[in-house]
N, C-alpha and C. Protein backbone atom coordinates (compact mmCIF):
# COMPACT_ATOMS: atom_id res chain seq x y z
N MET A 1 -0.68 -12.74 -20.79
CA MET A 1 0.06 -11.83 -21.35
C MET A 1 1.60 -12.22 -21.30
N SER A 2 2.20 -12.20 -22.56
CA SER A 2 3.53 -12.66 -22.26
C SER A 2 4.65 -11.51 -21.76
N GLY A 3 5.61 -11.65 -21.56
CA GLY A 3 6.52 -10.71 -21.29
C GLY A 3 6.19 -9.73 -19.83
N ARG A 4 6.00 -10.62 -18.70
CA ARG A 4 5.89 -10.15 -17.47
C ARG A 4 7.39 -9.62 -16.90
N ARG A 5 7.39 -8.70 -16.34
CA ARG A 5 9.12 -8.28 -15.85
C ARG A 5 9.19 -9.08 -14.87
N THR A 6 10.65 -9.24 -14.84
CA THR A 6 11.15 -10.05 -13.61
C THR A 6 11.60 -9.26 -12.53
N GLU A 7 12.19 -8.20 -12.73
CA GLU A 7 12.66 -7.42 -11.50
C GLU A 7 11.80 -6.40 -10.91
N THR A 8 12.18 -5.88 -10.05
CA THR A 8 11.09 -4.74 -9.13
C THR A 8 11.24 -3.73 -10.03
N LEU A 9 10.04 -2.92 -10.34
CA LEU A 9 10.16 -1.91 -11.15
C LEU A 9 10.81 -0.81 -10.67
N PRO A 10 11.90 0.07 -11.48
CA PRO A 10 12.88 0.97 -10.99
C PRO A 10 12.24 2.13 -10.46
N GLU A 11 12.70 3.02 -9.90
CA GLU A 11 12.40 4.52 -9.34
C GLU A 11 12.01 5.24 -10.79
N ARG A 12 12.91 5.05 -11.68
CA ARG A 12 12.67 6.02 -13.03
C ARG A 12 11.16 5.69 -13.68
N TYR A 13 10.92 4.37 -13.75
CA TYR A 13 9.76 4.11 -14.22
C TYR A 13 8.52 4.90 -13.85
N PHE A 14 8.35 5.23 -12.38
CA PHE A 14 7.55 5.85 -11.81
C PHE A 14 7.40 7.41 -12.03
N ALA A 15 8.79 7.83 -11.99
CA ALA A 15 9.10 9.31 -12.34
C ALA A 15 8.78 9.57 -13.85
N GLU A 16 9.02 8.63 -14.83
CA GLU A 16 8.49 9.02 -16.07
C GLU A 16 7.08 9.05 -16.26
N ILE A 17 6.23 8.16 -15.37
CA ILE A 17 4.78 7.97 -15.60
C ILE A 17 4.28 9.52 -15.03
N TYR A 18 4.61 9.88 -13.70
CA TYR A 18 4.18 11.22 -13.15
C TYR A 18 4.70 12.55 -14.29
N ALA A 19 6.01 12.13 -14.92
CA ALA A 19 6.32 13.35 -15.60
C ALA A 19 5.31 13.54 -16.99
N SER A 20 4.78 12.53 -17.37
CA SER A 20 3.96 12.57 -18.46
C SER A 20 2.45 12.78 -18.34
N ASP A 21 2.13 12.53 -16.79
CA ASP A 21 0.66 12.64 -16.52
C ASP A 21 0.69 12.89 -15.03
N PRO A 22 0.33 14.14 -14.45
CA PRO A 22 0.38 14.01 -12.93
C PRO A 22 -0.68 13.23 -12.06
N ASP A 23 -1.62 12.59 -12.60
CA ASP A 23 -2.59 11.62 -12.18
C ASP A 23 -2.88 10.35 -13.28
N PRO A 24 -1.59 9.48 -13.30
CA PRO A 24 -1.71 8.78 -14.21
C PRO A 24 -2.62 7.63 -14.04
N TRP A 25 -3.09 7.26 -13.01
CA TRP A 25 -4.07 6.22 -12.59
C TRP A 25 -5.32 6.73 -12.36
N ARG A 26 -5.81 8.07 -12.81
CA ARG A 26 -6.90 8.71 -12.53
C ARG A 26 -7.74 8.74 -11.01
N PHE A 27 -6.59 8.94 -10.06
CA PHE A 27 -7.21 8.62 -8.70
C PHE A 27 -8.19 9.56 -8.31
N THR A 28 -8.14 10.89 -8.96
CA THR A 28 -9.10 11.95 -8.44
C THR A 28 -10.39 11.76 -9.09
N SER A 29 -10.39 11.05 -10.54
CA SER A 29 -11.62 11.06 -11.20
C SER A 29 -12.39 9.46 -11.44
N SER A 30 -11.40 8.59 -11.44
CA SER A 30 -12.02 7.33 -11.47
C SER A 30 -13.19 6.67 -10.47
N ALA A 31 -14.06 6.22 -11.24
CA ALA A 31 -15.28 5.67 -10.35
C ALA A 31 -14.61 4.35 -9.53
N TYR A 32 -13.72 3.70 -10.39
CA TYR A 32 -13.21 2.42 -9.67
C TYR A 32 -12.46 2.75 -8.46
N GLU A 33 -11.56 3.91 -8.45
CA GLU A 33 -10.70 4.32 -7.54
C GLU A 33 -11.52 4.72 -6.21
N ALA A 34 -12.83 5.73 -6.57
CA ALA A 34 -13.32 5.99 -5.47
C ALA A 34 -14.17 4.90 -4.74
N GLU A 35 -14.63 3.96 -5.40
CA GLU A 35 -15.48 2.85 -4.90
C GLU A 35 -14.65 1.97 -4.10
N LYS A 36 -13.20 1.75 -4.81
CA LYS A 36 -12.26 1.04 -3.91
C LYS A 36 -11.72 1.62 -2.49
N TYR A 37 -11.37 3.03 -2.57
CA TYR A 37 -11.25 3.92 -1.56
C TYR A 37 -12.19 3.52 -0.29
N ASP A 38 -13.50 3.84 -0.83
CA ASP A 38 -14.68 3.57 0.29
C ASP A 38 -14.59 2.26 0.90
N ALA A 39 -14.50 1.23 -0.19
CA ALA A 39 -14.56 -0.12 0.36
C ALA A 39 -13.18 -0.35 1.37
N THR A 40 -12.12 0.33 1.03
CA THR A 40 -10.73 0.20 1.86
C THR A 40 -11.10 0.73 3.41
N LEU A 41 -11.70 1.79 3.29
CA LEU A 41 -12.12 2.37 4.53
C LEU A 41 -13.15 1.83 5.35
N ARG A 42 -13.95 1.19 4.73
CA ARG A 42 -14.95 0.24 5.29
C ARG A 42 -14.57 -1.04 5.77
N ALA A 43 -13.31 -1.27 5.32
CA ALA A 43 -12.74 -2.93 5.75
C ALA A 43 -11.92 -2.62 6.91
N LEU A 44 -11.31 -1.47 7.33
CA LEU A 44 -10.40 -1.17 8.31
C LEU A 44 -11.23 -1.72 9.61
N PRO A 45 -10.43 -2.73 10.37
CA PRO A 45 -10.99 -3.26 11.59
C PRO A 45 -11.24 -2.17 12.63
N ARG A 46 -10.78 -1.15 12.61
CA ARG A 46 -10.67 -0.33 13.80
C ARG A 46 -11.21 1.04 13.06
N THR A 47 -11.75 1.88 14.08
CA THR A 47 -12.27 3.18 13.81
C THR A 47 -10.99 4.26 13.74
N ARG A 48 -10.06 3.92 14.69
CA ARG A 48 -9.08 4.65 14.92
C ARG A 48 -7.73 4.20 15.01
N TYR A 49 -6.64 4.57 14.44
CA TYR A 49 -5.30 4.07 14.65
C TYR A 49 -4.32 4.99 15.10
N LYS A 50 -3.40 4.68 15.75
CA LYS A 50 -2.38 5.48 16.61
C LYS A 50 -1.43 5.99 15.65
N ASN A 51 -0.63 5.13 15.08
CA ASN A 51 0.38 5.50 13.96
C ASN A 51 0.33 4.31 12.78
N ALA A 52 -0.14 5.11 11.53
CA ALA A 52 -0.36 4.24 10.57
C ALA A 52 0.93 4.40 9.46
N LEU A 53 0.85 3.54 8.62
CA LEU A 53 1.79 3.55 7.42
C LEU A 53 0.98 3.26 6.00
N GLU A 54 1.01 4.34 5.24
CA GLU A 54 0.46 4.03 3.67
C GLU A 54 1.78 3.78 2.94
N VAL A 55 1.86 2.50 2.28
CA VAL A 55 2.88 2.16 1.22
C VAL A 55 2.66 2.41 -0.28
N GLY A 56 3.00 3.49 -0.86
CA GLY A 56 2.42 3.91 -2.06
C GLY A 56 1.51 4.70 -2.20
N CYS A 57 1.79 5.95 -1.54
CA CYS A 57 0.51 6.81 -1.36
C CYS A 57 0.18 7.74 -2.58
N SER A 58 1.20 7.72 -3.75
CA SER A 58 0.83 8.34 -4.91
C SER A 58 0.68 9.85 -4.32
N ILE A 59 -0.55 10.36 -5.05
CA ILE A 59 -0.91 11.82 -5.19
C ILE A 59 -1.82 11.97 -3.82
N GLY A 60 -1.95 11.04 -2.93
CA GLY A 60 -2.47 11.34 -1.52
C GLY A 60 -3.75 11.32 -1.70
N VAL A 61 -4.28 10.83 -2.74
CA VAL A 61 -6.14 10.91 -2.43
C VAL A 61 -6.69 10.05 -1.36
N PHE A 62 -6.03 8.67 -1.33
CA PHE A 62 -6.35 7.88 -0.18
C PHE A 62 -5.78 8.36 1.07
N THR A 63 -4.62 9.07 1.07
CA THR A 63 -3.93 9.47 2.36
C THR A 63 -4.77 10.57 2.91
N ARG A 64 -5.39 11.51 1.97
CA ARG A 64 -6.40 12.29 2.72
C ARG A 64 -7.63 11.79 3.44
N ALA A 65 -8.15 10.93 2.75
CA ALA A 65 -9.30 10.03 3.38
C ALA A 65 -9.13 9.29 4.75
N LEU A 66 -7.73 8.68 4.73
CA LEU A 66 -7.43 8.03 5.77
C LEU A 66 -7.15 8.82 6.93
N ALA A 67 -6.58 9.96 6.67
CA ALA A 67 -5.99 10.80 7.79
C ALA A 67 -6.73 11.06 8.95
N PRO A 68 -8.20 11.46 8.99
CA PRO A 68 -8.90 11.69 10.04
C PRO A 68 -8.93 10.42 10.86
N ARG A 69 -8.62 9.29 10.39
CA ARG A 69 -8.68 8.10 11.32
C ARG A 69 -7.27 7.82 11.90
N CYS A 70 -6.39 8.55 11.90
CA CYS A 70 -4.90 8.23 12.29
C CYS A 70 -4.51 9.21 13.13
N GLY A 71 -4.03 9.03 14.38
CA GLY A 71 -3.27 10.01 15.36
C GLY A 71 -2.15 10.53 14.41
N ALA A 72 -1.31 9.58 13.91
CA ALA A 72 0.06 9.85 12.99
C ALA A 72 -0.35 8.81 11.82
N LEU A 73 0.17 9.51 10.75
CA LEU A 73 0.25 8.67 9.27
C LEU A 73 1.38 8.97 8.65
N THR A 74 2.10 8.06 8.33
CA THR A 74 3.38 8.21 7.35
C THR A 74 3.05 7.71 5.74
N ALA A 75 3.23 8.53 5.13
CA ALA A 75 2.64 8.13 3.75
C ALA A 75 4.23 8.37 2.76
N LEU A 76 4.34 7.11 2.08
CA LEU A 76 5.58 6.68 1.35
C LEU A 76 5.39 6.57 0.02
N ASP A 77 6.02 7.20 -0.90
CA ASP A 77 6.25 6.81 -2.41
C ASP A 77 7.48 7.12 -2.92
N VAL A 78 7.63 6.66 -4.09
CA VAL A 78 8.80 6.46 -4.85
C VAL A 78 9.05 7.87 -5.62
N ALA A 79 8.08 8.38 -6.11
CA ALA A 79 7.80 9.48 -7.00
C ALA A 79 7.92 10.71 -6.15
N GLN A 80 8.73 11.65 -6.40
CA GLN A 80 8.89 12.91 -5.53
C GLN A 80 7.62 13.83 -6.27
N ALA A 81 7.31 13.58 -7.83
CA ALA A 81 6.22 14.53 -8.01
C ALA A 81 4.86 13.92 -7.38
N ALA A 82 4.80 12.82 -7.10
CA ALA A 82 3.84 12.51 -6.55
C ALA A 82 3.46 12.86 -5.18
N LEU A 83 4.53 12.82 -4.46
CA LEU A 83 4.54 13.12 -2.90
C LEU A 83 4.58 14.76 -2.97
N ASP A 84 4.97 15.54 -3.81
CA ASP A 84 4.65 16.96 -3.87
C ASP A 84 2.81 17.16 -3.93
N ALA A 85 2.43 16.60 -4.65
CA ALA A 85 0.93 16.56 -4.83
C ALA A 85 0.35 16.05 -3.69
N ALA A 86 0.81 14.97 -3.29
CA ALA A 86 0.25 14.35 -1.73
C ALA A 86 0.37 15.48 -0.73
N GLN A 87 1.47 16.15 -0.68
CA GLN A 87 1.56 16.93 0.56
C GLN A 87 0.83 18.20 0.33
N THR A 88 0.48 18.79 -0.66
CA THR A 88 -0.49 19.78 -1.01
C THR A 88 -1.86 19.14 -0.71
N ARG A 89 -2.16 18.24 -1.11
CA ARG A 89 -3.46 17.45 -0.89
C ARG A 89 -3.95 17.48 0.49
N CYS A 90 -2.81 17.30 1.27
CA CYS A 90 -2.99 16.71 2.78
C CYS A 90 -2.56 17.94 3.64
N ALA A 91 -2.37 19.21 3.20
CA ALA A 91 -1.97 20.18 3.92
C ALA A 91 -2.72 20.44 5.24
N GLU A 92 -4.04 20.21 5.23
CA GLU A 92 -4.81 20.50 6.73
C GLU A 92 -4.71 19.51 7.44
N TYR A 93 -3.79 18.41 7.25
CA TYR A 93 -3.86 17.07 8.26
C TYR A 93 -2.20 17.17 8.88
N PRO A 94 -1.87 18.17 9.92
CA PRO A 94 -0.57 17.80 10.28
C PRO A 94 0.02 16.68 10.80
N GLN A 95 -0.83 15.70 11.21
CA GLN A 95 -0.42 14.57 11.59
C GLN A 95 0.24 13.61 10.48
N VAL A 96 0.15 14.08 9.41
CA VAL A 96 0.61 13.12 8.05
C VAL A 96 2.30 13.69 7.62
N ARG A 97 2.82 12.64 7.69
CA ARG A 97 4.28 13.14 7.09
C ARG A 97 4.69 12.11 5.99
N PHE A 98 5.40 12.76 5.07
CA PHE A 98 5.68 12.06 4.05
C PHE A 98 7.27 11.43 3.79
N VAL A 99 7.46 10.35 3.07
CA VAL A 99 8.64 9.87 3.23
C VAL A 99 9.11 9.34 1.53
N ARG A 100 10.11 9.77 1.06
CA ARG A 100 10.25 9.24 -0.43
C ARG A 100 11.14 8.04 -0.35
N GLY A 101 10.94 7.19 -0.98
CA GLY A 101 11.74 6.07 -1.17
C GLY A 101 11.23 4.69 -1.93
N ALA A 102 12.07 3.78 -2.13
CA ALA A 102 11.33 2.58 -2.94
C ALA A 102 11.59 1.35 -1.58
N VAL A 103 10.44 0.72 -1.16
CA VAL A 103 10.52 -0.49 -0.43
C VAL A 103 11.09 -1.49 -1.34
N PRO A 104 11.65 -2.66 -0.72
CA PRO A 104 11.79 -2.75 0.66
C PRO A 104 13.19 -1.98 1.33
N GLU A 105 13.81 -1.26 0.33
CA GLU A 105 15.17 -0.72 0.92
C GLU A 105 14.94 0.34 1.84
N VAL A 106 13.90 1.10 1.43
CA VAL A 106 13.56 2.36 2.30
C VAL A 106 12.21 1.99 3.16
N TRP A 107 12.41 2.12 4.50
CA TRP A 107 11.14 1.87 5.31
C TRP A 107 11.45 2.82 6.50
N PRO A 108 10.07 3.44 6.90
CA PRO A 108 10.29 4.36 7.79
C PRO A 108 10.56 3.71 9.31
N GLU A 109 10.94 4.72 10.36
CA GLU A 109 11.40 4.06 11.65
C GLU A 109 10.02 3.94 12.28
N GLY A 110 10.04 3.35 13.24
CA GLY A 110 8.94 3.35 14.34
C GLY A 110 8.07 1.94 14.01
N ARG A 111 6.98 1.88 15.03
CA ARG A 111 6.08 0.81 15.03
C ARG A 111 4.84 1.31 14.49
N PHE A 112 3.98 0.54 13.69
CA PHE A 112 2.75 0.89 12.94
C PHE A 112 1.75 -0.16 13.68
N ASP A 113 0.50 0.31 13.83
CA ASP A 113 -0.57 -0.49 14.10
C ASP A 113 -1.41 -0.56 13.10
N LEU A 114 -1.36 0.06 11.92
CA LEU A 114 -1.79 -0.13 10.66
C LEU A 114 -0.88 0.16 9.38
N ILE A 115 -0.89 -0.94 8.50
CA ILE A 115 0.10 -0.69 7.36
C ILE A 115 -0.77 -1.01 5.91
N VAL A 116 -0.95 -0.06 5.29
CA VAL A 116 -1.75 -0.27 3.96
C VAL A 116 -0.72 -0.50 2.89
N PHE A 117 -1.10 -1.29 1.91
CA PHE A 117 -0.37 -1.52 0.72
C PHE A 117 -1.42 -1.24 -0.30
N GLY A 118 -1.63 -0.10 -0.94
CA GLY A 118 -2.62 0.22 -2.04
C GLY A 118 -1.95 0.03 -3.39
N GLU A 119 -2.32 -1.23 -4.06
CA GLU A 119 -1.80 -1.33 -5.26
C GLU A 119 -0.55 -1.24 -5.48
N MET A 120 0.31 -1.88 -4.81
CA MET A 120 1.73 -1.75 -5.10
C MET A 120 2.66 -2.98 -4.99
N LEU A 121 2.03 -4.08 -4.41
CA LEU A 121 2.72 -5.19 -4.03
C LEU A 121 3.52 -5.97 -5.39
N TYR A 122 2.57 -5.72 -6.31
CA TYR A 122 2.72 -6.42 -7.57
C TYR A 122 3.72 -5.65 -8.64
N PHE A 123 4.53 -4.45 -7.91
CA PHE A 123 5.52 -4.02 -8.80
C PHE A 123 7.00 -4.26 -8.29
N LEU A 124 6.94 -5.50 -7.11
CA LEU A 124 8.09 -6.14 -6.59
C LEU A 124 8.53 -7.27 -7.18
N SER A 125 9.78 -7.90 -7.25
CA SER A 125 9.79 -9.08 -7.65
C SER A 125 9.74 -10.05 -6.39
N PRO A 126 9.66 -11.34 -6.50
CA PRO A 126 9.26 -12.17 -5.52
C PRO A 126 10.43 -12.10 -3.95
N ALA A 127 11.63 -11.72 -4.76
CA ALA A 127 12.53 -11.71 -3.61
C ALA A 127 12.31 -10.46 -2.77
N ASP A 128 12.27 -9.46 -3.72
CA ASP A 128 11.75 -8.04 -2.74
C ASP A 128 10.64 -8.40 -2.11
N LEU A 129 9.51 -9.11 -2.58
CA LEU A 129 8.35 -9.24 -1.77
C LEU A 129 8.50 -9.64 -0.38
N ALA A 130 9.50 -10.84 -0.15
CA ALA A 130 10.03 -11.53 0.89
C ALA A 130 10.82 -10.63 1.67
N ARG A 131 11.19 -10.04 1.12
CA ARG A 131 12.41 -8.86 2.11
C ARG A 131 11.26 -7.86 2.65
N LEU A 132 10.34 -7.53 2.10
CA LEU A 132 9.36 -6.42 2.46
C LEU A 132 8.50 -7.22 3.67
N VAL A 133 8.19 -8.26 3.50
CA VAL A 133 7.45 -9.32 4.44
C VAL A 133 8.15 -9.07 5.92
N ALA A 134 9.36 -9.16 5.76
CA ALA A 134 10.30 -8.85 6.91
C ALA A 134 10.49 -7.53 7.57
N ARG A 135 10.32 -6.41 6.72
CA ARG A 135 10.12 -5.23 7.08
C ARG A 135 8.87 -5.31 8.10
N VAL A 136 7.66 -5.51 7.37
CA VAL A 136 6.29 -5.65 8.04
C VAL A 136 6.56 -6.56 9.49
N GLU A 137 7.34 -7.48 9.54
CA GLU A 137 7.21 -8.42 10.87
C GLU A 137 8.08 -7.59 11.64
N ALA A 138 9.12 -6.72 11.36
CA ALA A 138 9.83 -5.82 12.26
C ALA A 138 9.03 -4.60 12.90
N SER A 139 8.05 -4.17 12.23
CA SER A 139 7.47 -3.14 12.46
C SER A 139 6.09 -2.93 12.74
N LEU A 140 5.09 -4.02 12.51
CA LEU A 140 3.89 -4.18 12.78
C LEU A 140 3.61 -4.53 14.38
N GLU A 141 2.95 -3.76 14.99
CA GLU A 141 2.42 -3.67 16.30
C GLU A 141 1.55 -5.20 16.68
N PRO A 142 2.00 -5.55 17.99
CA PRO A 142 1.05 -6.93 18.16
C PRO A 142 -0.47 -6.27 18.07
N GLY A 143 -1.23 -7.26 17.74
CA GLY A 143 -2.28 -6.91 17.07
C GLY A 143 -3.07 -5.88 16.17
N GLY A 144 -1.79 -5.33 15.35
CA GLY A 144 -1.79 -4.47 14.23
C GLY A 144 -2.52 -5.06 13.06
N ASP A 145 -2.92 -4.05 11.96
CA ASP A 145 -3.68 -4.58 11.06
C ASP A 145 -2.84 -4.25 9.81
N CYS A 146 -2.91 -5.04 8.66
CA CYS A 146 -2.26 -4.90 7.46
C CYS A 146 -3.23 -5.14 6.43
N VAL A 147 -3.39 -4.17 5.43
CA VAL A 147 -4.53 -3.93 4.41
C VAL A 147 -3.82 -4.25 2.90
N LEU A 148 -4.10 -5.02 2.04
CA LEU A 148 -3.61 -5.20 0.78
C LEU A 148 -4.77 -4.92 -0.10
N VAL A 149 -4.67 -3.96 -1.18
CA VAL A 149 -5.67 -3.93 -2.09
C VAL A 149 -4.73 -3.85 -3.31
N HIS A 150 -5.54 -4.72 -4.23
CA HIS A 150 -4.80 -5.17 -5.80
C HIS A 150 -5.86 -5.36 -6.76
N TRP A 151 -5.43 -4.50 -7.97
CA TRP A 151 -6.19 -4.67 -9.19
C TRP A 151 -6.13 -6.20 -9.77
N LEU A 152 -6.87 -6.68 -10.10
CA LEU A 152 -6.83 -8.08 -10.88
C LEU A 152 -6.75 -8.17 -12.24
N GLY A 153 -6.83 -7.21 -13.01
CA GLY A 153 -6.40 -7.01 -14.40
C GLY A 153 -4.80 -7.61 -14.89
N GLU A 154 -4.70 -7.80 -16.23
CA GLU A 154 -3.43 -8.23 -16.67
C GLU A 154 -2.78 -6.97 -16.55
N THR A 155 -1.19 -7.31 -16.29
CA THR A 155 -0.38 -6.16 -16.56
C THR A 155 0.94 -6.81 -16.78
N ASP A 156 2.07 -6.08 -17.09
CA ASP A 156 3.42 -6.81 -17.28
C ASP A 156 4.00 -6.59 -15.95
N TYR A 157 3.60 -6.38 -14.91
CA TYR A 157 4.45 -6.19 -13.60
C TYR A 157 5.04 -7.59 -13.16
N PRO A 158 5.90 -7.43 -12.38
CA PRO A 158 6.73 -8.66 -11.97
C PRO A 158 5.76 -9.82 -11.25
N LEU A 159 4.62 -9.48 -10.70
CA LEU A 159 3.42 -10.20 -10.09
C LEU A 159 2.01 -9.78 -10.43
N SER A 160 1.21 -10.59 -10.45
CA SER A 160 -0.25 -10.38 -10.67
C SER A 160 -0.80 -10.06 -9.23
N GLY A 161 -1.78 -9.47 -9.42
CA GLY A 161 -2.52 -9.06 -8.07
C GLY A 161 -2.75 -10.30 -7.22
N ASP A 162 -3.03 -11.29 -7.84
CA ASP A 162 -3.22 -12.28 -6.94
C ASP A 162 -2.04 -12.98 -6.36
N ALA A 163 -0.87 -13.11 -7.30
CA ALA A 163 0.45 -14.03 -6.65
C ALA A 163 1.03 -12.69 -5.61
N ALA A 164 0.81 -11.62 -5.89
CA ALA A 164 1.40 -10.35 -4.96
C ALA A 164 0.78 -10.42 -3.57
N ALA A 165 -0.64 -10.61 -3.66
CA ALA A 165 -1.20 -10.86 -2.17
C ALA A 165 -0.97 -12.25 -1.78
N GLU A 166 -1.09 -13.11 -2.59
CA GLU A 166 -1.03 -14.60 -1.85
C GLU A 166 0.38 -14.75 -1.26
N GLY A 167 1.26 -14.17 -2.20
CA GLY A 167 2.89 -14.28 -1.69
C GLY A 167 3.13 -13.74 -0.42
N PHE A 168 2.18 -12.36 -0.35
CA PHE A 168 2.45 -11.65 1.19
C PHE A 168 1.71 -12.67 2.29
N ILE A 169 0.58 -12.88 1.97
CA ILE A 169 -0.04 -13.86 2.86
C ILE A 169 0.46 -14.99 3.45
N THR A 170 1.12 -15.70 2.45
CA THR A 170 2.18 -16.75 2.94
C THR A 170 3.08 -16.37 3.76
N GLY A 171 3.89 -15.26 3.25
CA GLY A 171 5.14 -14.84 3.93
C GLY A 171 4.80 -14.48 5.29
N THR A 172 3.58 -13.80 5.68
CA THR A 172 3.22 -13.26 6.82
C THR A 172 2.64 -14.24 7.75
N ALA A 173 2.23 -15.58 7.13
CA ALA A 173 1.41 -16.47 8.03
C ALA A 173 2.15 -16.75 9.57
N PRO A 174 3.48 -17.05 9.45
CA PRO A 174 3.94 -17.12 10.97
C PRO A 174 3.41 -16.13 11.92
N PHE A 175 3.09 -14.81 11.54
CA PHE A 175 2.72 -13.92 12.63
C PHE A 175 1.65 -12.97 12.32
N CYS A 176 0.87 -13.37 11.18
CA CYS A 176 -0.63 -12.76 10.81
C CYS A 176 -1.48 -13.65 10.60
N ARG A 177 -2.75 -13.48 10.95
CA ARG A 177 -3.90 -14.28 10.59
C ARG A 177 -4.69 -13.33 9.73
N VAL A 178 -5.49 -13.97 8.80
CA VAL A 178 -6.42 -13.43 7.78
C VAL A 178 -7.73 -13.09 8.35
N LEU A 179 -8.19 -11.80 8.15
CA LEU A 179 -9.42 -11.44 8.76
C LEU A 179 -10.15 -11.31 7.35
N PRO A 180 -11.66 -11.20 7.60
CA PRO A 180 -12.41 -11.31 6.26
C PRO A 180 -12.06 -9.94 5.28
N GLY A 181 -12.09 -10.20 4.18
CA GLY A 181 -11.69 -9.18 2.90
C GLY A 181 -12.70 -9.10 1.94
N LEU A 182 -12.31 -8.79 0.88
CA LEU A 182 -13.39 -8.51 -0.23
C LEU A 182 -12.76 -9.02 -1.61
N ARG A 183 -13.53 -9.39 -2.28
CA ARG A 183 -13.08 -9.85 -3.73
C ARG A 183 -14.27 -9.22 -4.86
N THR A 184 -13.71 -8.35 -5.66
CA THR A 184 -14.69 -7.87 -6.64
C THR A 184 -14.26 -8.43 -7.98
N GLU A 185 -15.04 -8.30 -9.21
CA GLU A 185 -14.42 -8.57 -10.33
C GLU A 185 -12.95 -7.81 -10.91
N ALA A 186 -12.91 -6.58 -10.12
CA ALA A 186 -11.73 -5.71 -10.60
C ALA A 186 -10.41 -5.91 -9.59
N TYR A 187 -10.79 -6.04 -8.32
CA TYR A 187 -9.86 -5.88 -7.16
C TYR A 187 -9.99 -6.91 -6.22
N ARG A 188 -8.97 -7.18 -5.61
CA ARG A 188 -9.08 -7.91 -4.03
C ARG A 188 -8.55 -7.13 -2.82
N LEU A 189 -9.25 -7.23 -1.91
CA LEU A 189 -8.99 -6.54 -0.55
C LEU A 189 -8.42 -7.49 0.48
N ASP A 190 -7.46 -7.56 0.98
CA ASP A 190 -7.09 -8.37 2.18
C ASP A 190 -6.74 -7.77 3.44
N VAL A 191 -7.39 -8.22 4.31
CA VAL A 191 -7.03 -7.47 5.69
C VAL A 191 -6.43 -8.52 6.72
N LEU A 192 -5.12 -8.38 7.09
CA LEU A 192 -4.36 -9.50 8.02
C LEU A 192 -4.43 -8.49 9.38
N ARG A 193 -4.35 -9.47 10.51
CA ARG A 193 -3.98 -8.89 11.98
C ARG A 193 -2.75 -9.81 12.53
N ARG A 194 -1.82 -8.84 13.01
CA ARG A 194 -0.77 -9.52 13.92
C ARG A 194 -1.44 -10.26 14.97
N ALA A 195 -0.75 -11.61 15.00
CA ALA A 195 -1.28 -12.52 15.71
C ALA A 195 -0.14 -13.86 15.96
N ASP A 196 0.98 -13.19 16.49
CA ASP A 196 2.13 -14.31 16.48
C ASP A 196 1.99 -15.59 16.99
N ARG A 197 2.02 -16.69 16.37
CA ARG A 197 1.96 -17.91 17.07
C ARG A 197 3.02 -18.18 18.28
N PRO A 198 2.63 -18.66 19.30
CA PRO A 198 3.70 -18.90 20.19
C PRO A 198 4.69 -20.00 19.86
């Protein structure tokens, strides 16, 4: 595909998508999404996490599935309409809080033992991906886990699924090691653990 974007996708891109469709990626109905969410939960190295962060929570379908395994869960998204839906969907989980903003500019305070990036790193330019890696380094607890999930199909996003994941893995190599993940025809799931080299 020609015409890959070069800049990080702007907030208005997502606002317009949700304005035209409250579930633009079929998170609530797609068999692909349901299988991917199950695989992501199975891939988490620990049963429980003390303080987790989900970047790109959208309408909160995965957030709701992840919440029972977290003492606290911060769910972040750029689109207010998506966050409103996520808040409603996760109302029974008081440990979930929601933050609106675009990474890497906006990043929640605190230290996390799990950070999940669900199909969103490829929305970033290479420069913003590098800045995001610095955010992760500053906030991922020692021994904490980082999970990336990316669709492998063609898009016009700044990065392909493989380029986004490999760029993140390369950037975090000084402080994370790669754990067993999963690759299907449709998506790749990468698991990293903080293990700073002396």
